[in-house]
Amino acid sequence: MTDDTRSHPFRDSSQDLEATHRIPDTPQTRAPAYRLAFADPDFLMREELRPVRLQLELLKPQMILDERGIQSTVVLFGGARIPRPEEADKARTPALAGLAHFYDEARRFARLMTERSMETYGRENVIVTGGGPGVMEAGNRGAHEAGGQSIGLNIVLPHEQAPNAYVTPDLSFNFHYFALRKMHFLMRARAVCIFPGGFGTLDEMFETLTLIQTRRMKRIPFLLFGRAFWDGVINWQALADAGTISPEDLTLFQYVETAEEAVAAIDAFGDPCA
């Protein structure tokens, strides 16, 4: 931060923070009460400060993406356990090994969309994933191989986790709140692509479908990669037959098998913001 008196006449907060490193060391200055509130982690972690932390977690990615001029994204959801094809023989189950080709489809799809994104100087159709392994890595990898940028929205989990190596470093975010992370997945989404996955993928899929179904979100291309997998996991028609969803709800998504089919489906849908 710079001291720009043209924008405001007050002393910059970073200057005051720096000044605290030069104050005398006394019992008073060592006391937690003396810390500047914005530079006091113990204070910020208090239960009463949760609304502030929620706001910060909304604002930080929003401001960075705005500063980068990113206007629309293409979201890739999918399993962290989907192996690279060359490592399919190490998969924990034969069925998981059989899904390895979706890694390549996600990678190729992300490359195709990123090539298109670069025509807008990286403002439109930017790939966004959860930033982890499996399908997420494939999406960021395809964007990286195209020479473009991509976003990773990681979240702190009980087990050890780190962003995959292909996320654009200054677009690699980390979240505490699942709800805020989900908001950032969808706030700029122009299309959502769902690859085979587990509980996390199902959660993201159904939450997005619910937002579209209830018109809390504009309808956008919603693509399920791998009809055989999804028909085996979810009996969509049974939901419609039971009346728990409307028959027209089955038109909110469509199946694709390849990257090229997905790109064609997005093109056929047109601009959801038009």
C-alpha atoms as a PDB file:
ATOM      1  CA  MET A   1       0.000   0.000   0.000  1.00  0.00           C
ATOM      2  CA  THR A   2       1.202   3.516  -0.731  1.00  0.00           C
ATOM      3  CA  ASP A   3       0.536   6.762   1.085  1.00  0.00           C
ATOM      4  CA  ASP A   4      -1.538   8.508  -1.589  1.00  0.00           C
ATOM      5  CA  THR A   5      -2.868  11.733  -0.078  1.00  0.00           C
ATOM      6  CA  ARG A   6      -4.683  12.479  -3.318  1.00  0.00           C
ATOM      7  CA  SER A   7      -7.165   9.672  -2.571  1.00  0.00           C
ATOM      8  CA  HIS A   8      -7.465  10.247   1.171  1.00  0.00           C
ATOM      9  CA  PRO A   9      -5.797  12.490   3.745  1.00  0.00           C
ATOM     10  CA  PHE A  10      -5.298   9.879   6.449  1.00  0.00           C
ATOM     11  CA  ARG A  11      -2.228   7.935   7.454  1.00  0.00           C
ATOM     12  CA  ASP A  12      -2.013   4.564   5.729  1.00  0.00           C
ATOM     13  CA  SER A  13      -2.760   1.478   7.861  1.00  0.00           C
ATOM     14  CA  SER A  14       0.369  -0.271   6.596  1.00  0.00           C
ATOM     15  CA  GLN A  15       2.458   2.603   7.946  1.00  0.00           C
ATOM     16  CA  ASP A  16       0.937   2.169  11.386  1.00  0.00           C
ATOM     17  CA  LEU A  17       1.508  -1.573  11.255  1.00  0.00           C
ATOM     18  CA  GLU A  18       5.153  -0.981  10.417  1.00  0.00           C
ATOM     19  CA  ALA A  19       5.402   1.536  13.266  1.00  0.00           C
ATOM     20  CA  THR A  20       4.322  -1.109  15.791  1.00  0.00           C
ATOM     21  CA  HIS A  21       7.597  -2.952  15.137  1.00  0.00           C
ATOM     22  CA  ARG A  22       9.543   0.050  16.429  1.00  0.00           C
ATOM     23  CA  ILE A  23       7.716   0.756  19.671  1.00  0.00           C
ATOM     24  CA  PRO A  24       9.389   0.100  23.057  1.00  0.00           C
ATOM     25  CA  ASP A  25       9.057  -3.408  24.440  1.00  0.00           C
ATOM     26  CA  THR A  26       7.017  -3.012  27.637  1.00  0.00           C
ATOM     27  CA  PRO A  27       4.337  -5.045  29.441  1.00  0.00           C
ATOM     28  CA  GLN A  28       1.765  -2.695  27.965  1.00  0.00           C
ATOM     29  CA  THR A  29       2.911  -3.061  24.342  1.00  0.00           C
ATOM     30  CA  ARG A  30       3.206  -6.837  24.704  1.00  0.00           C
ATOM     31  CA  ALA A  31      -0.378  -7.153  25.915  1.00  0.00           C
ATOM     32  CA  PRO A  32      -2.874  -8.543  23.356  1.00  0.00           C
ATOM     33  CA  ALA A  33      -5.156  -5.559  23.959  1.00  0.00           C
ATOM     34  CA  TYR A  34      -2.519  -3.236  22.459  1.00  0.00           C
ATOM     35  CA  ARG A  35      -2.390  -4.976  19.084  1.00  0.00           C
ATOM     36  CA  LEU A  36      -3.971  -3.213  16.143  1.00  0.00           C
ATOM     37  CA  ALA A  37      -7.303  -4.959  15.611  1.00  0.00           C
ATOM     38  CA  PHE A  38      -6.714  -5.741  11.926  1.00  0.00           C
ATOM     39  CA  ALA A  39      -3.301  -7.254  12.725  1.00  0.00           C
ATOM     40  CA  ASP A  40      -4.447  -9.359  15.686  1.00  0.00           C
ATOM     41  CA  PRO A  41      -5.060 -12.979  14.590  1.00  0.00           C
ATOM     42  CA  ASP A  42      -6.362 -14.010  18.019  1.00  0.00           C
ATOM     43  CA  PHE A  43      -8.971 -11.269  17.839  1.00  0.00           C
ATOM     44  CA  LEU A  44      -9.962 -12.106  14.263  1.00  0.00           C
ATOM     45  CA  MET A  45     -10.448 -15.772  15.185  1.00  0.00           C
ATOM     46  CA  ARG A  46     -12.975 -14.999  17.925  1.00  0.00           C
ATOM     47  CA  GLU A  47     -16.456 -16.465  17.558  1.00  0.00           C
ATOM     48  CA  GLU A  48     -17.987 -12.984  17.453  1.00  0.00           C
ATOM     49  CA  LEU A  49     -15.848 -12.116  14.408  1.00  0.00           C
ATOM     50  CA  ARG A  50     -17.293 -14.850  12.189  1.00  0.00           C
ATOM     51  CA  PRO A  51     -19.357 -12.332  10.155  1.00  0.00           C
ATOM     52  CA  VAL A  52     -16.166 -10.399   9.442  1.00  0.00           C
ATOM     53  CA  ARG A  53     -14.321 -13.558   8.374  1.00  0.00           C
ATOM     54  CA  LEU A  54     -17.200 -14.480   6.065  1.00  0.00           C
ATOM     55  CA  GLN A  55     -17.024 -11.047   4.483  1.00  0.00           C
ATOM     56  CA  LEU A  56     -13.254 -11.245   4.058  1.00  0.00           C
ATOM     57  CA  GLU A  57     -13.525 -14.654   2.392  1.00  0.00           C
ATOM     58  CA  LEU A  58     -16.079 -13.281  -0.030  1.00  0.00           C
ATOM     59  CA  LEU A  59     -14.140 -10.113  -0.757  1.00  0.00           C
ATOM     60  CA  LYS A  60     -10.593 -11.377  -1.241  1.00  0.00           C
ATOM     61  CA  PRO A  61     -11.181 -13.608  -4.306  1.00  0.00           C
ATOM     62  CA  GLN A  62     -13.793 -11.205  -5.652  1.00  0.00           C
ATOM     63  CA  MET A  63     -11.402  -8.271  -5.600  1.00  0.00           C
ATOM     64  CA  ILE A  64      -8.520 -10.234  -7.112  1.00  0.00           C
ATOM     65  CA  LEU A  65     -10.659 -11.640  -9.925  1.00  0.00           C
ATOM     66  CA  ASP A  66     -12.083  -8.182 -10.607  1.00  0.00           C
ATOM     67  CA  GLU A  67      -8.570  -6.726 -10.729  1.00  0.00           C
ATOM     68  CA  ARG A  68      -7.593  -9.407 -13.245  1.00  0.00           C
ATOM     69  CA  GLY A  69     -10.599  -8.516 -15.377  1.00  0.00           C
ATOM     70  CA  ILE A  70     -12.065 -12.023 -15.278  1.00  0.00           C
ATOM     71  CA  GLN A  71     -15.686 -11.771 -16.361  1.00  0.00           C
ATOM     72  CA  SER A  72     -16.804 -15.360 -16.969  1.00  0.00           C
ATOM     73  CA  THR A  73     -15.646 -18.837 -16.019  1.00  0.00           C
ATOM     74  CA  VAL A  74     -16.209 -22.443 -17.027  1.00  0.00           C
ATOM     75  CA  VAL A  75     -16.525 -24.663 -13.964  1.00  0.00           C
ATOM     76  CA  LEU A  76     -15.146 -28.197 -13.780  1.00  0.00           C
ATOM     77  CA  PHE A  77     -16.379 -30.411 -10.949  1.00  0.00           C
ATOM     78  CA  GLY A  78     -15.196 -33.992 -10.608  1.00  0.00           C
ATOM     79  CA  GLY A  79     -13.540 -36.615  -8.489  1.00  0.00           C
ATOM     80  CA  ALA A  80     -10.189 -36.064  -6.806  1.00  0.00           C
ATOM     81  CA  ARG A  81      -9.581 -39.820  -7.109  1.00  0.00           C
ATOM     82  CA  ILE A  82      -9.892 -40.056 -10.903  1.00  0.00           C
ATOM     83  CA  PRO A  83      -6.393 -41.226 -11.906  1.00  0.00           C
ATOM     84  CA  ARG A  84      -4.211 -40.100 -14.744  1.00  0.00           C
ATOM     85  CA  PRO A  85      -4.531 -42.706 -17.525  1.00  0.00           C
ATOM     86  CA  GLU A  86      -0.879 -43.708 -17.172  1.00  0.00           C
ATOM     87  CA  GLU A  87      -1.502 -44.405 -13.490  1.00  0.00           C
ATOM     88  CA  ALA A  88      -4.815 -46.244 -13.895  1.00  0.00           C
ATOM     89  CA  ASP A  89      -3.236 -49.546 -12.897  1.00  0.00           C
ATOM     90  CA  LYS A  90      -2.647 -48.073  -9.420  1.00  0.00           C
ATOM     91  CA  ALA A  91      -6.313 -47.147  -8.899  1.00  0.00           C
ATOM     92  CA  ARG A  92      -7.971 -48.566  -5.797  1.00  0.00           C
ATOM     93  CA  THR A  93     -10.725 -50.297  -7.802  1.00  0.00           C
ATOM     94  CA  PRO A  94     -11.104 -51.543 -11.394  1.00  0.00           C
ATOM     95  CA  ALA A  95     -14.117 -49.251 -11.788  1.00  0.00           C
ATOM     96  CA  LEU A  96     -12.018 -46.236 -10.834  1.00  0.00           C
ATOM     97  CA  ALA A  97      -9.353 -47.286 -13.330  1.00  0.00           C
ATOM     98  CA  GLY A  98     -12.091 -47.413 -15.963  1.00  0.00           C
ATOM     99  CA  LEU A  99     -12.848 -43.740 -15.360  1.00  0.00           C
ATOM    100  CA  ALA A 100      -9.273 -42.624 -16.069  1.00  0.00           C
ATOM    101  CA  HIS A 101     -10.111 -41.543 -19.606  1.00  0.00           C
ATOM    102  CA  PHE A 102     -12.173 -38.701 -18.124  1.00  0.00           C
ATOM    103  CA  TYR A 103      -8.909 -37.170 -16.898  1.00  0.00           C
ATOM    104  CA  ASP A 104      -7.894 -36.760 -20.525  1.00  0.00           C
ATOM    105  CA  GLU A 105     -11.328 -35.457 -21.526  1.00  0.00           C
ATOM    106  CA  ALA A 106     -11.201 -32.816 -18.792  1.00  0.00           C
ATOM    107  CA  ARG A 107      -7.668 -31.898 -19.786  1.00  0.00           C
ATOM    108  CA  ARG A 108      -8.554 -31.560 -23.464  1.00  0.00           C
ATOM    109  CA  PHE A 109     -11.771 -29.683 -22.760  1.00  0.00           C
ATOM    110  CA  ALA A 110      -9.929 -27.190 -20.558  1.00  0.00           C
ATOM    111  CA  ARG A 111      -7.304 -26.699 -23.242  1.00  0.00           C
ATOM    112  CA  LEU A 112      -9.945 -26.011 -25.900  1.00  0.00           C
ATOM    113  CA  MET A 113     -11.825 -23.540 -23.709  1.00  0.00           C
ATOM    114  CA  THR A 114      -8.627 -21.798 -22.643  1.00  0.00           C
ATOM    115  CA  GLU A 115      -7.549 -21.319 -26.243  1.00  0.00           C
ATOM    116  CA  ARG A 116     -10.867 -19.580 -26.723  1.00  0.00           C
ATOM    117  CA  SER A 117     -10.376 -17.618 -23.483  1.00  0.00           C
ATOM    118  CA  MET A 118      -7.044 -16.296 -24.696  1.00  0.00           C
ATOM    119  CA  GLU A 119      -8.835 -14.652 -27.614  1.00  0.00           C
ATOM    120  CA  THR A 120     -10.429 -12.388 -24.979  1.00  0.00           C
ATOM    121  CA  TYR A 121      -7.096 -11.836 -23.214  1.00  0.00           C
ATOM    122  CA  GLY A 122      -8.129 -14.213 -20.451  1.00  0.00           C
ATOM    123  CA  ARG A 123     -11.281 -12.343 -19.484  1.00  0.00           C
ATOM    124  CA  GLU A 124     -13.910 -14.858 -20.614  1.00  0.00           C
ATOM    125  CA  ASN A 125     -14.304 -18.645 -20.269  1.00  0.00           C
ATOM    126  CA  VAL A 126     -11.567 -19.009 -17.655  1.00  0.00           C
ATOM    127  CA  ILE A 127     -11.343 -22.538 -16.281  1.00  0.00           C
ATOM    128  CA  VAL A 128     -12.046 -22.856 -12.559  1.00  0.00           C
ATOM    129  CA  THR A 129     -11.655 -26.052 -10.516  1.00  0.00           C
ATOM    130  CA  GLY A 130     -11.397 -27.008  -6.881  1.00  0.00           C
ATOM    131  CA  GLY A 131      -7.638 -26.832  -7.275  1.00  0.00           C
ATOM    132  CA  GLY A 132      -6.943 -30.388  -6.123  1.00  0.00           C
ATOM    133  CA  PRO A 133      -5.944 -33.656  -7.823  1.00  0.00           C
ATOM    134  CA  GLY A 134      -7.853 -35.869 -10.274  1.00  0.00           C
ATOM    135  CA  VAL A 135     -10.311 -34.098 -12.563  1.00  0.00           C
ATOM    136  CA  MET A 136      -9.393 -30.785 -10.954  1.00  0.00           C
ATOM    137  CA  GLU A 137      -5.726 -31.228 -11.835  1.00  0.00           C
ATOM    138  CA  ALA A 138      -6.702 -32.224 -15.367  1.00  0.00           C
ATOM    139  CA  GLY A 139      -8.687 -29.005 -15.832  1.00  0.00           C
ATOM    140  CA  ASN A 140      -5.930 -26.739 -14.589  1.00  0.00           C
ATOM    141  CA  ARG A 141      -3.374 -28.753 -16.555  1.00  0.00           C
ATOM    142  CA  GLY A 142      -5.237 -28.329 -19.830  1.00  0.00           C
ATOM    143  CA  ALA A 143      -5.442 -24.575 -19.302  1.00  0.00           C
ATOM    144  CA  HIS A 144      -1.741 -24.442 -18.460  1.00  0.00           C
ATOM    145  CA  GLU A 145      -0.821 -26.410 -21.580  1.00  0.00           C
ATOM    146  CA  ALA A 146      -2.819 -23.972 -23.688  1.00  0.00           C
ATOM    147  CA  GLY A 147      -0.674 -21.170 -22.279  1.00  0.00           C
ATOM    148  CA  GLY A 148      -3.521 -19.544 -20.392  1.00  0.00           C
ATOM    149  CA  GLN A 149      -4.570 -18.962 -16.821  1.00  0.00           C
ATOM    150  CA  SER A 150      -6.921 -20.953 -14.610  1.00  0.00           C
ATOM    151  CA  ILE A 151      -8.396 -20.628 -11.157  1.00  0.00           C
ATOM    152  CA  GLY A 152      -8.145 -23.060  -8.236  1.00  0.00           C
ATOM    153  CA  LEU A 153     -10.506 -22.816  -5.270  1.00  0.00           C
ATOM    154  CA  ASN A 154      -8.962 -25.008  -2.575  1.00  0.00           C
ATOM    155  CA  ILE A 155     -10.440 -25.575   0.857  1.00  0.00           C
ATOM    156  CA  VAL A 156      -8.797 -26.567   4.122  1.00  0.00           C
ATOM    157  CA  LEU A 157      -9.612 -30.208   4.886  1.00  0.00           C
ATOM    158  CA  PRO A 158      -8.642 -32.470   7.816  1.00  0.00           C
ATOM    159  CA  HIS A 159      -6.260 -34.444   5.620  1.00  0.00           C
ATOM    160  CA  GLU A 160      -3.203 -32.915   4.031  1.00  0.00           C
ATOM    161  CA  GLN A 161      -3.943 -31.034   0.823  1.00  0.00           C
ATOM    162  CA  ALA A 162      -2.197 -28.598  -1.477  1.00  0.00           C
ATOM    163  CA  PRO A 163      -3.093 -26.951  -4.799  1.00  0.00           C
ATOM    164  CA  ASN A 164      -2.112 -28.903  -7.889  1.00  0.00           C
ATOM    165  CA  ALA A 165       0.915 -27.658  -9.786  1.00  0.00           C
ATOM    166  CA  TYR A 166      -1.065 -26.297 -12.750  1.00  0.00           C
ATOM    167  CA  VAL A 167      -3.218 -23.644 -11.052  1.00  0.00           C
ATOM    168  CA  THR A 168      -2.128 -20.118 -11.945  1.00  0.00           C
ATOM    169  CA  PRO A 169      -0.293 -19.146  -8.729  1.00  0.00           C
ATOM    170  CA  ASP A 170      -1.915 -15.754  -8.211  1.00  0.00           C
ATOM    171  CA  LEU A 171      -5.348 -17.275  -8.908  1.00  0.00           C
ATOM    172  CA  SER A 172      -4.906 -20.032  -6.338  1.00  0.00           C
ATOM    173  CA  PHE A 173      -7.286 -19.402  -3.436  1.00  0.00           C
ATOM    174  CA  ASN A 174      -7.853 -21.172  -0.147  1.00  0.00           C
ATOM    175  CA  PHE A 175     -11.130 -21.243   1.775  1.00  0.00           C
ATOM    176  CA  HIS A 176     -12.373 -22.043   5.243  1.00  0.00           C
ATOM    177  CA  TYR A 177     -16.099 -21.764   4.478  1.00  0.00           C
ATOM    178  CA  PHE A 178     -17.611 -24.208   1.978  1.00  0.00           C
ATOM    179  CA  ALA A 179     -20.513 -21.818   1.364  1.00  0.00           C
ATOM    180  CA  LEU A 180     -18.260 -18.968   0.238  1.00  0.00           C
ATOM    181  CA  ARG A 181     -16.240 -21.302  -1.962  1.00  0.00           C
ATOM    182  CA  LYS A 182     -19.443 -22.470  -3.654  1.00  0.00           C
ATOM    183  CA  MET A 183     -20.469 -18.879  -4.280  1.00  0.00           C
ATOM    184  CA  HIS A 184     -17.196 -18.153  -6.043  1.00  0.00           C
ATOM    185  CA  PHE A 185     -17.587 -21.243  -8.220  1.00  0.00           C
ATOM    186  CA  LEU A 186     -20.870 -19.930  -9.589  1.00  0.00           C
ATOM    187  CA  MET A 187     -20.746 -16.132  -9.451  1.00  0.00           C
ATOM    188  CA  ARG A 188     -19.052 -15.892 -12.871  1.00  0.00           C
ATOM    189  CA  ALA A 189     -20.016 -19.308 -14.285  1.00  0.00           C
ATOM    190  CA  ARG A 190     -20.921 -19.437 -17.952  1.00  0.00           C
ATOM    191  CA  ALA A 191     -21.059 -23.259 -17.992  1.00  0.00           C
ATOM    192  CA  VAL A 192     -20.773 -26.098 -15.490  1.00  0.00           C
ATOM    193  CA  CYS A 193     -19.211 -29.438 -16.381  1.00  0.00           C
ATOM    194  CA  ILE A 194     -19.660 -32.390 -14.026  1.00  0.00           C
ATOM    195  CA  PHE A 195     -17.289 -35.331 -14.321  1.00  0.00           C
ATOM    196  CA  PRO A 196     -17.611 -38.598 -12.388  1.00  0.00           C
ATOM    197  CA  GLY A 197     -16.911 -38.098  -8.704  1.00  0.00           C
ATOM    198  CA  GLY A 198     -17.999 -38.747  -5.143  1.00  0.00           C
ATOM    199  CA  PHE A 199     -19.835 -36.930  -2.367  1.00  0.00           C
ATOM    200  CA  GLY A 200     -18.200 -33.568  -3.073  1.00  0.00           C
ATOM    201  CA  THR A 201     -19.063 -33.722  -6.767  1.00  0.00           C
ATOM    202  CA  LEU A 202     -22.628 -34.803  -6.011  1.00  0.00           C
ATOM    203  CA  ASP A 203     -22.999 -31.965  -3.510  1.00  0.00           C
ATOM    204  CA  GLU A 204     -21.808 -29.376  -6.021  1.00  0.00           C
ATOM    205  CA  MET A 205     -23.942 -30.856  -8.792  1.00  0.00           C
ATOM    206  CA  PHE A 206     -27.209 -30.914  -6.848  1.00  0.00           C
ATOM    207  CA  GLU A 207     -26.695 -27.515  -5.273  1.00  0.00           C
ATOM    208  CA  THR A 208     -26.154 -25.933  -8.684  1.00  0.00           C
ATOM    209  CA  LEU A 209     -29.105 -27.768 -10.218  1.00  0.00           C
ATOM    210  CA  THR A 210     -31.295 -26.602  -7.329  1.00  0.00           C
ATOM    211  CA  LEU A 211     -30.254 -22.986  -7.894  1.00  0.00           C
ATOM    212  CA  ILE A 212     -31.111 -23.267 -11.584  1.00  0.00           C
ATOM    213  CA  GLN A 213     -34.355 -25.173 -10.940  1.00  0.00           C
ATOM    214  CA  THR A 214     -35.555 -22.557  -8.456  1.00  0.00           C
ATOM    215  CA  ARG A 215     -34.416 -19.717 -10.720  1.00  0.00           C
ATOM    216  CA  ARG A 216     -32.036 -18.380  -8.114  1.00  0.00           C
ATOM    217  CA  MET A 217     -29.448 -18.619 -10.875  1.00  0.00           C
ATOM    218  CA  LYS A 218     -29.700 -18.125 -14.617  1.00  0.00           C
ATOM    219  CA  ARG A 219     -29.871 -21.261 -16.693  1.00  0.00           C
ATOM    220  CA  ILE A 220     -26.482 -22.087 -18.197  1.00  0.00           C
ATOM    221  CA  PRO A 221     -25.039 -25.107 -20.032  1.00  0.00           C
ATOM    222  CA  PHE A 222     -24.937 -27.924 -17.459  1.00  0.00           C
ATOM    223  CA  LEU A 223     -23.041 -30.905 -18.801  1.00  0.00           C
ATOM    224  CA  LEU A 224     -22.656 -34.367 -17.293  1.00  0.00           C
ATOM    225  CA  PHE A 225     -19.645 -36.219 -18.663  1.00  0.00           C
ATOM    226  CA  GLY A 226     -20.235 -39.969 -18.899  1.00  0.00           C
ATOM    227  CA  ARG A 227     -23.864 -41.058 -19.223  1.00  0.00           C
ATOM    228  CA  ALA A 228     -23.140 -44.626 -18.152  1.00  0.00           C
ATOM    229  CA  PHE A 229     -21.640 -43.458 -14.875  1.00  0.00           C
ATOM    230  CA  TRP A 230     -24.385 -40.982 -14.014  1.00  0.00           C
ATOM    231  CA  ASP A 231     -27.273 -43.255 -15.023  1.00  0.00           C
ATOM    232  CA  GLY A 232     -25.753 -45.900 -12.782  1.00  0.00           C
ATOM    233  CA  VAL A 233     -25.519 -43.535  -9.841  1.00  0.00           C
ATOM    234  CA  ILE A 234     -28.802 -41.594 -10.133  1.00  0.00           C
ATOM    235  CA  ASN A 235     -32.172 -42.727 -11.422  1.00  0.00           C
ATOM    236  CA  TRP A 236     -33.279 -39.361 -12.743  1.00  0.00           C
ATOM    237  CA  GLN A 237     -36.424 -40.703 -14.359  1.00  0.00           C
ATOM    238  CA  ALA A 238     -37.555 -42.235 -11.070  1.00  0.00           C
ATOM    239  CA  LEU A 239     -37.479 -38.769  -9.499  1.00  0.00           C
ATOM    240  CA  ALA A 240     -39.707 -37.416 -12.274  1.00  0.00           C
ATOM    241  CA  ASP A 241     -42.017 -40.452 -12.138  1.00  0.00           C
ATOM    242  CA  ALA A 242     -42.402 -40.015  -8.378  1.00  0.00           C
ATOM    243  CA  GLY A 243     -43.269 -36.365  -8.872  1.00  0.00           C
ATOM    244  CA  THR A 244     -40.461 -35.126  -6.628  1.00  0.00           C
ATOM    245  CA  ILE A 245     -39.133 -33.178  -9.616  1.00  0.00           C
ATOM    246  CA  SER A 246     -40.960 -31.961 -12.707  1.00  0.00           C
ATOM    247  CA  PRO A 247     -40.444 -33.694 -16.059  1.00  0.00           C
ATOM    248  CA  GLU A 248     -39.009 -30.463 -17.453  1.00  0.00           C
ATOM    249  CA  ASP A 249     -36.316 -30.535 -14.761  1.00  0.00           C
ATOM    250  CA  LEU A 250     -34.732 -33.360 -16.738  1.00  0.00           C
ATOM    251  CA  THR A 251     -33.934 -30.814 -19.438  1.00  0.00           C
ATOM    252  CA  LEU A 252     -31.754 -28.716 -17.119  1.00  0.00           C
ATOM    253  CA  PHE A 253     -28.731 -30.896 -17.951  1.00  0.00           C
ATOM    254  CA  GLN A 254     -27.408 -32.918 -20.818  1.00  0.00           C
ATOM    255  CA  TYR A 255     -24.943 -35.744 -21.256  1.00  0.00           C
ATOM    256  CA  VAL A 256     -21.683 -35.521 -23.156  1.00  0.00           C
ATOM    257  CA  GLU A 257     -18.859 -37.993 -23.568  1.00  0.00           C
ATOM    258  CA  THR A 258     -16.024 -35.986 -25.061  1.00  0.00           C
ATOM    259  CA  ALA A 259     -14.417 -32.581 -24.837  1.00  0.00           C
ATOM    260  CA  GLU A 260     -15.534 -31.754 -28.352  1.00  0.00           C
ATOM    261  CA  GLU A 261     -19.166 -32.614 -27.558  1.00  0.00           C
ATOM    262  CA  ALA A 262     -19.005 -30.346 -24.528  1.00  0.00           C
ATOM    263  CA  VAL A 263     -17.665 -27.392 -26.522  1.00  0.00           C
ATOM    264  CA  ALA A 264     -20.374 -27.930 -29.153  1.00  0.00           C
ATOM    265  CA  ALA A 265     -23.076 -28.046 -26.454  1.00  0.00           C
ATOM    266  CA  ILE A 266     -21.870 -24.759 -24.965  1.00  0.00           C
ATOM    267  CA  ASP A 267     -21.833 -23.139 -28.388  1.00  0.00           C
ATOM    268  CA  ALA A 268     -25.312 -24.439 -29.192  1.00  0.00           C
ATOM    269  CA  PHE A 269     -26.667 -23.037 -25.938  1.00  0.00           C
ATOM    270  CA  GLY A 270     -25.544 -19.517 -26.799  1.00  0.00           C
ATOM    271  CA  ASP A 271     -24.712 -16.747 -24.367  1.00  0.00           C
ATOM    272  CA  PRO A 272     -26.659 -17.283 -21.105  1.00  0.00           C
ATOM    273  CA  CYS A 273     -26.156 -13.628 -20.212  1.00  0.00           C
ATOM    274  CA  ALA A 274     -27.593 -12.323 -23.477  1.00  0.00           C
END
